[in-house]
């Protein structure tokens, strides 16, 4: 395979400057505000986005180095394959969060439920569409019986 190159379209601004003690998923970051500062070159691409209550943000986990194929995730005490978790130390350091869209002002998006480190490069933004993106009857694998609650769990630095 050949390499792939991405160019960030913007940057996340959040209250989280250290990966330790931050929410591990948007469900644990309810109400936490931040912004996405889009490169003004891409501002026209935000047309009609205000009609959506949530957005899918795809970003580069820029502070993650290396990877392992088995990890003990934040919500369990048992090792799992990296592809059966959302742990940040991955072969390709790509993150994904579904965030509440509060406002669009020029090239700046105000967002809530932010579980992303300040300064994180944004690769893409897509509208969250329940008819396309929600599958409430699907299985959640080992997470269905995970011993820890993602709403209260915080990062502890194990993937730093």
C-alpha atoms as a PDB file:
ATOM      1  CA  UNK A   1       0.000   0.000   0.000  1.00  0.00           C
ATOM      2  CA  UNK A   2       1.025   3.583  -0.485  1.00  0.00           C
ATOM      3  CA  UNK A   3       1.007   6.339   2.109  1.00  0.00           C
ATOM      4  CA  UNK A   4      -1.882   8.745   2.512  1.00  0.00           C
ATOM      5  CA  UNK A   5      -1.495  12.429   3.238  1.00  0.00           C
ATOM      6  CA  UNK A   6      -4.145  14.612   4.871  1.00  0.00           C
ATOM      7  CA  UNK A   7      -4.163  18.377   5.229  1.00  0.00           C
ATOM      8  CA  UNK A   8      -5.987  19.690   8.315  1.00  0.00           C
ATOM      9  CA  UNK A   9      -8.930  21.989   7.611  1.00  0.00           C
ATOM     10  CA  UNK A  10      -8.981  23.535  11.069  1.00  0.00           C
ATOM     11  CA  UNK A  11      -8.131  23.233  14.741  1.00  0.00           C
ATOM     12  CA  UNK A  12     -10.119  22.291  17.850  1.00  0.00           C
ATOM     13  CA  UNK A  13      -9.997  24.722  20.764  1.00  0.00           C
ATOM     14  CA  UNK A  14     -11.015  23.110  24.044  1.00  0.00           C
ATOM     15  CA  UNK A  15     -10.313  23.462  27.761  1.00  0.00           C
ATOM     16  CA  UNK A  16      -8.191  20.282  27.664  1.00  0.00           C
ATOM     17  CA  UNK A  17      -4.466  20.876  27.317  1.00  0.00           C
ATOM     18  CA  UNK A  18      -3.264  17.664  28.963  1.00  0.00           C
ATOM     19  CA  UNK A  19      -4.564  14.233  27.878  1.00  0.00           C
ATOM     20  CA  UNK A  20      -4.736  13.123  31.516  1.00  0.00           C
ATOM     21  CA  UNK A  21      -8.026  13.659  33.380  1.00  0.00           C
ATOM     22  CA  UNK A  22     -10.094  14.605  30.337  1.00  0.00           C
ATOM     23  CA  UNK A  23     -13.361  12.917  29.291  1.00  0.00           C
ATOM     24  CA  UNK A  24     -12.847   9.751  27.267  1.00  0.00           C
ATOM     25  CA  UNK A  25     -15.969  10.164  25.089  1.00  0.00           C
ATOM     26  CA  UNK A  26     -18.452  12.979  24.310  1.00  0.00           C
ATOM     27  CA  UNK A  27     -21.006  11.348  26.656  1.00  0.00           C
ATOM     28  CA  UNK A  28     -18.648  12.223  29.538  1.00  0.00           C
ATOM     29  CA  UNK A  29     -18.178  15.782  28.309  1.00  0.00           C
ATOM     30  CA  UNK A  30     -21.814  16.926  28.293  1.00  0.00           C
ATOM     31  CA  UNK A  31     -22.017  20.704  28.167  1.00  0.00           C
ATOM     32  CA  UNK A  32     -18.273  21.287  27.768  1.00  0.00           C
ATOM     33  CA  UNK A  33     -17.829  23.964  25.120  1.00  0.00           C
ATOM     34  CA  UNK A  34     -15.134  24.480  22.586  1.00  0.00           C
ATOM     35  CA  UNK A  35     -14.684  25.719  19.072  1.00  0.00           C
ATOM     36  CA  UNK A  36     -13.413  24.527  15.745  1.00  0.00           C
ATOM     37  CA  UNK A  37     -11.440  27.252  14.014  1.00  0.00           C
ATOM     38  CA  UNK A  38     -11.676  26.358  10.365  1.00  0.00           C
ATOM     39  CA  UNK A  39      -9.142  27.633   7.854  1.00  0.00           C
ATOM     40  CA  UNK A  40     -11.070  30.506   6.172  1.00  0.00           C
ATOM     41  CA  UNK A  41     -10.429  28.807   2.817  1.00  0.00           C
ATOM     42  CA  UNK A  42     -13.059  26.227   3.816  1.00  0.00           C
ATOM     43  CA  UNK A  43     -15.685  28.594   5.313  1.00  0.00           C
ATOM     44  CA  UNK A  44     -17.996  28.309   2.282  1.00  0.00           C
ATOM     45  CA  UNK A  45     -18.213  24.572   3.013  1.00  0.00           C
ATOM     46  CA  UNK A  46     -20.153  25.383   6.195  1.00  0.00           C
ATOM     47  CA  UNK A  47     -23.172  26.622   4.227  1.00  0.00           C
ATOM     48  CA  UNK A  48     -26.390  25.000   5.561  1.00  0.00           C
ATOM     49  CA  UNK A  49     -24.597  23.241   8.437  1.00  0.00           C
ATOM     50  CA  UNK A  50     -26.565  25.278  11.015  1.00  0.00           C
ATOM     51  CA  UNK A  51     -29.644  23.147  10.291  1.00  0.00           C
ATOM     52  CA  UNK A  52     -27.986  20.170  12.019  1.00  0.00           C
ATOM     53  CA  UNK A  53     -27.880  19.736  15.793  1.00  0.00           C
ATOM     54  CA  UNK A  54     -24.816  17.459  15.766  1.00  0.00           C
ATOM     55  CA  UNK A  55     -21.718  17.016  13.660  1.00  0.00           C
ATOM     56  CA  UNK A  56     -19.250  14.193  13.210  1.00  0.00           C
ATOM     57  CA  UNK A  57     -15.715  15.521  13.621  1.00  0.00           C
ATOM     58  CA  UNK A  58     -12.824  13.465  12.271  1.00  0.00           C
ATOM     59  CA  UNK A  59      -9.442  14.502  13.600  1.00  0.00           C
ATOM     60  CA  UNK A  60      -5.791  13.575  13.944  1.00  0.00           C
ATOM     61  CA  UNK A  61      -4.760  12.323  17.401  1.00  0.00           C
ATOM     62  CA  UNK A  62      -1.651  14.503  17.151  1.00  0.00           C
ATOM     63  CA  UNK A  63      -0.290  13.681  20.607  1.00  0.00           C
ATOM     64  CA  UNK A  64      -0.608   9.917  20.193  1.00  0.00           C
ATOM     65  CA  UNK A  65       2.635   8.114  19.406  1.00  0.00           C
ATOM     66  CA  UNK A  66       2.978   4.537  18.281  1.00  0.00           C
ATOM     67  CA  UNK A  67       0.417   1.829  18.780  1.00  0.00           C
ATOM     68  CA  UNK A  68      -0.165  -1.581  20.284  1.00  0.00           C
ATOM     69  CA  UNK A  69      -2.578  -4.186  18.978  1.00  0.00           C
ATOM     70  CA  UNK A  70      -3.964  -5.118  22.407  1.00  0.00           C
ATOM     71  CA  UNK A  71      -4.902  -2.544  25.037  1.00  0.00           C
ATOM     72  CA  UNK A  72      -6.627  -2.354  28.390  1.00  0.00           C
ATOM     73  CA  UNK A  73      -9.223   0.331  27.604  1.00  0.00           C
ATOM     74  CA  UNK A  74     -10.458   2.935  30.072  1.00  0.00           C
ATOM     75  CA  UNK A  75     -13.807   1.182  30.575  1.00  0.00           C
ATOM     76  CA  UNK A  76     -12.524  -2.309  31.346  1.00  0.00           C
ATOM     77  CA  UNK A  77      -9.744  -4.170  33.120  1.00  0.00           C
ATOM     78  CA  UNK A  78      -9.294  -6.788  30.396  1.00  0.00           C
ATOM     79  CA  UNK A  79      -7.093  -6.497  27.286  1.00  0.00           C
ATOM     80  CA  UNK A  80      -8.950  -6.136  23.988  1.00  0.00           C
ATOM     81  CA  UNK A  81      -7.794  -5.809  20.388  1.00  0.00           C
ATOM     82  CA  UNK A  82      -7.219  -2.174  19.434  1.00  0.00           C
ATOM     83  CA  UNK A  83      -9.924  -2.381  16.756  1.00  0.00           C
ATOM     84  CA  UNK A  84     -12.466  -3.468  19.399  1.00  0.00           C
ATOM     85  CA  UNK A  85     -11.788  -0.259  21.377  1.00  0.00           C
ATOM     86  CA  UNK A  86     -11.682   3.477  20.879  1.00  0.00           C
ATOM     87  CA  UNK A  87      -8.253   3.792  22.467  1.00  0.00           C
ATOM     88  CA  UNK A  88      -6.151   6.578  20.908  1.00  0.00           C
ATOM     89  CA  UNK A  89      -2.894   4.681  20.270  1.00  0.00           C
ATOM     90  CA  UNK A  90      -3.863   3.240  16.893  1.00  0.00           C
ATOM     91  CA  UNK A  91      -2.023   2.301  13.678  1.00  0.00           C
ATOM     92  CA  UNK A  92      -3.520   5.453  12.147  1.00  0.00           C
ATOM     93  CA  UNK A  93      -4.040   8.116  14.800  1.00  0.00           C
ATOM     94  CA  UNK A  94      -7.536   9.135  13.706  1.00  0.00           C
ATOM     95  CA  UNK A  95     -10.236  10.161  16.161  1.00  0.00           C
ATOM     96  CA  UNK A  96     -13.965  10.614  15.703  1.00  0.00           C
ATOM     97  CA  UNK A  97     -16.453  12.460  17.923  1.00  0.00           C
ATOM     98  CA  UNK A  98     -20.135  13.264  17.507  1.00  0.00           C
ATOM     99  CA  UNK A  99     -20.535  16.758  18.949  1.00  0.00           C
ATOM    100  CA  UNK A 100     -23.388  19.186  19.480  1.00  0.00           C
ATOM    101  CA  UNK A 101     -23.270  22.095  17.049  1.00  0.00           C
ATOM    102  CA  UNK A 102     -24.173  25.295  18.908  1.00  0.00           C
ATOM    103  CA  UNK A 103     -23.371  27.965  16.318  1.00  0.00           C
ATOM    104  CA  UNK A 104     -21.545  28.766  13.113  1.00  0.00           C
ATOM    105  CA  UNK A 105     -19.965  32.214  12.868  1.00  0.00           C
ATOM    106  CA  UNK A 106     -17.890  32.708   9.750  1.00  0.00           C
ATOM    107  CA  UNK A 107     -15.184  30.038   9.898  1.00  0.00           C
ATOM    108  CA  UNK A 108     -15.716  29.257  13.605  1.00  0.00           C
ATOM    109  CA  UNK A 109     -17.996  26.532  14.902  1.00  0.00           C
ATOM    110  CA  UNK A 110     -19.055  26.592  18.555  1.00  0.00           C
ATOM    111  CA  UNK A 111     -19.436  23.023  19.761  1.00  0.00           C
ATOM    112  CA  UNK A 112     -20.441  21.189  22.953  1.00  0.00           C
ATOM    113  CA  UNK A 113     -19.709  17.802  24.504  1.00  0.00           C
ATOM    114  CA  UNK A 114     -16.052  18.279  23.557  1.00  0.00           C
ATOM    115  CA  UNK A 115     -13.785  15.365  24.471  1.00  0.00           C
ATOM    116  CA  UNK A 116     -10.898  16.515  22.262  1.00  0.00           C
ATOM    117  CA  UNK A 117      -7.515  17.909  23.227  1.00  0.00           C
ATOM    118  CA  UNK A 118      -6.880  21.608  22.562  1.00  0.00           C
ATOM    119  CA  UNK A 119      -4.933  22.177  19.351  1.00  0.00           C
ATOM    120  CA  UNK A 120      -6.101  18.974  17.682  1.00  0.00           C
ATOM    121  CA  UNK A 121      -6.035  19.167  13.864  1.00  0.00           C
ATOM    122  CA  UNK A 122      -9.454  18.645  12.246  1.00  0.00           C
ATOM    123  CA  UNK A 123      -9.482  16.508   9.095  1.00  0.00           C
ATOM    124  CA  UNK A 124     -13.184  16.615   8.210  1.00  0.00           C
ATOM    125  CA  UNK A 125     -16.637  17.588   9.434  1.00  0.00           C
ATOM    126  CA  UNK A 126     -19.828  15.806   8.455  1.00  0.00           C
ATOM    127  CA  UNK A 127     -23.420  16.321   9.578  1.00  0.00           C
ATOM    128  CA  UNK A 128     -24.792  13.733  11.985  1.00  0.00           C
ATOM    129  CA  UNK A 129     -27.973  12.340  10.420  1.00  0.00           C
ATOM    130  CA  UNK A 130     -29.974  10.014  12.703  1.00  0.00           C
ATOM    131  CA  UNK A 131     -31.525   8.179   9.746  1.00  0.00           C
ATOM    132  CA  UNK A 132     -28.017   7.318   8.496  1.00  0.00           C
ATOM    133  CA  UNK A 133     -25.948   7.180  11.676  1.00  0.00           C
ATOM    134  CA  UNK A 134     -28.101   5.712  14.471  1.00  0.00           C
ATOM    135  CA  UNK A 135     -28.467   1.965  14.861  1.00  0.00           C
ATOM    136  CA  UNK A 136     -30.063   1.565  18.311  1.00  0.00           C
ATOM    137  CA  UNK A 137     -30.640  -2.196  18.007  1.00  0.00           C
ATOM    138  CA  UNK A 138     -27.022  -3.111  17.281  1.00  0.00           C
ATOM    139  CA  UNK A 139     -24.656  -4.990  19.620  1.00  0.00           C
ATOM    140  CA  UNK A 140     -21.974  -3.188  21.621  1.00  0.00           C
ATOM    141  CA  UNK A 141     -19.643  -6.152  22.171  1.00  0.00           C
ATOM    142  CA  UNK A 142     -17.694  -6.165  25.445  1.00  0.00           C
ATOM    143  CA  UNK A 143     -18.877  -2.597  26.148  1.00  0.00           C
ATOM    144  CA  UNK A 144     -22.376  -3.899  26.893  1.00  0.00           C
ATOM    145  CA  UNK A 145     -21.028  -5.331  30.157  1.00  0.00           C
ATOM    146  CA  UNK A 146     -18.150  -2.919  30.779  1.00  0.00           C
ATOM    147  CA  UNK A 147     -17.545  -2.431  34.495  1.00  0.00           C
ATOM    148  CA  UNK A 148     -17.012   1.341  34.229  1.00  0.00           C
ATOM    149  CA  UNK A 149     -19.334   4.203  33.271  1.00  0.00           C
ATOM    150  CA  UNK A 150     -18.150   6.337  30.289  1.00  0.00           C
ATOM    151  CA  UNK A 151     -20.059   9.355  31.659  1.00  0.00           C
ATOM    152  CA  UNK A 152     -17.784   9.538  34.685  1.00  0.00           C
ATOM    153  CA  UNK A 153     -14.576   7.945  33.415  1.00  0.00           C
ATOM    154  CA  UNK A 154     -11.561  10.191  32.815  1.00  0.00           C
ATOM    155  CA  UNK A 155      -8.347   9.618  30.926  1.00  0.00           C
ATOM    156  CA  UNK A 156      -5.523   8.534  33.194  1.00  0.00           C
ATOM    157  CA  UNK A 157      -2.544   8.975  30.914  1.00  0.00           C
ATOM    158  CA  UNK A 158      -2.149   5.292  30.005  1.00  0.00           C
ATOM    159  CA  UNK A 159      -2.056   6.175  26.297  1.00  0.00           C
ATOM    160  CA  UNK A 160       0.215   9.227  26.616  1.00  0.00           C
END
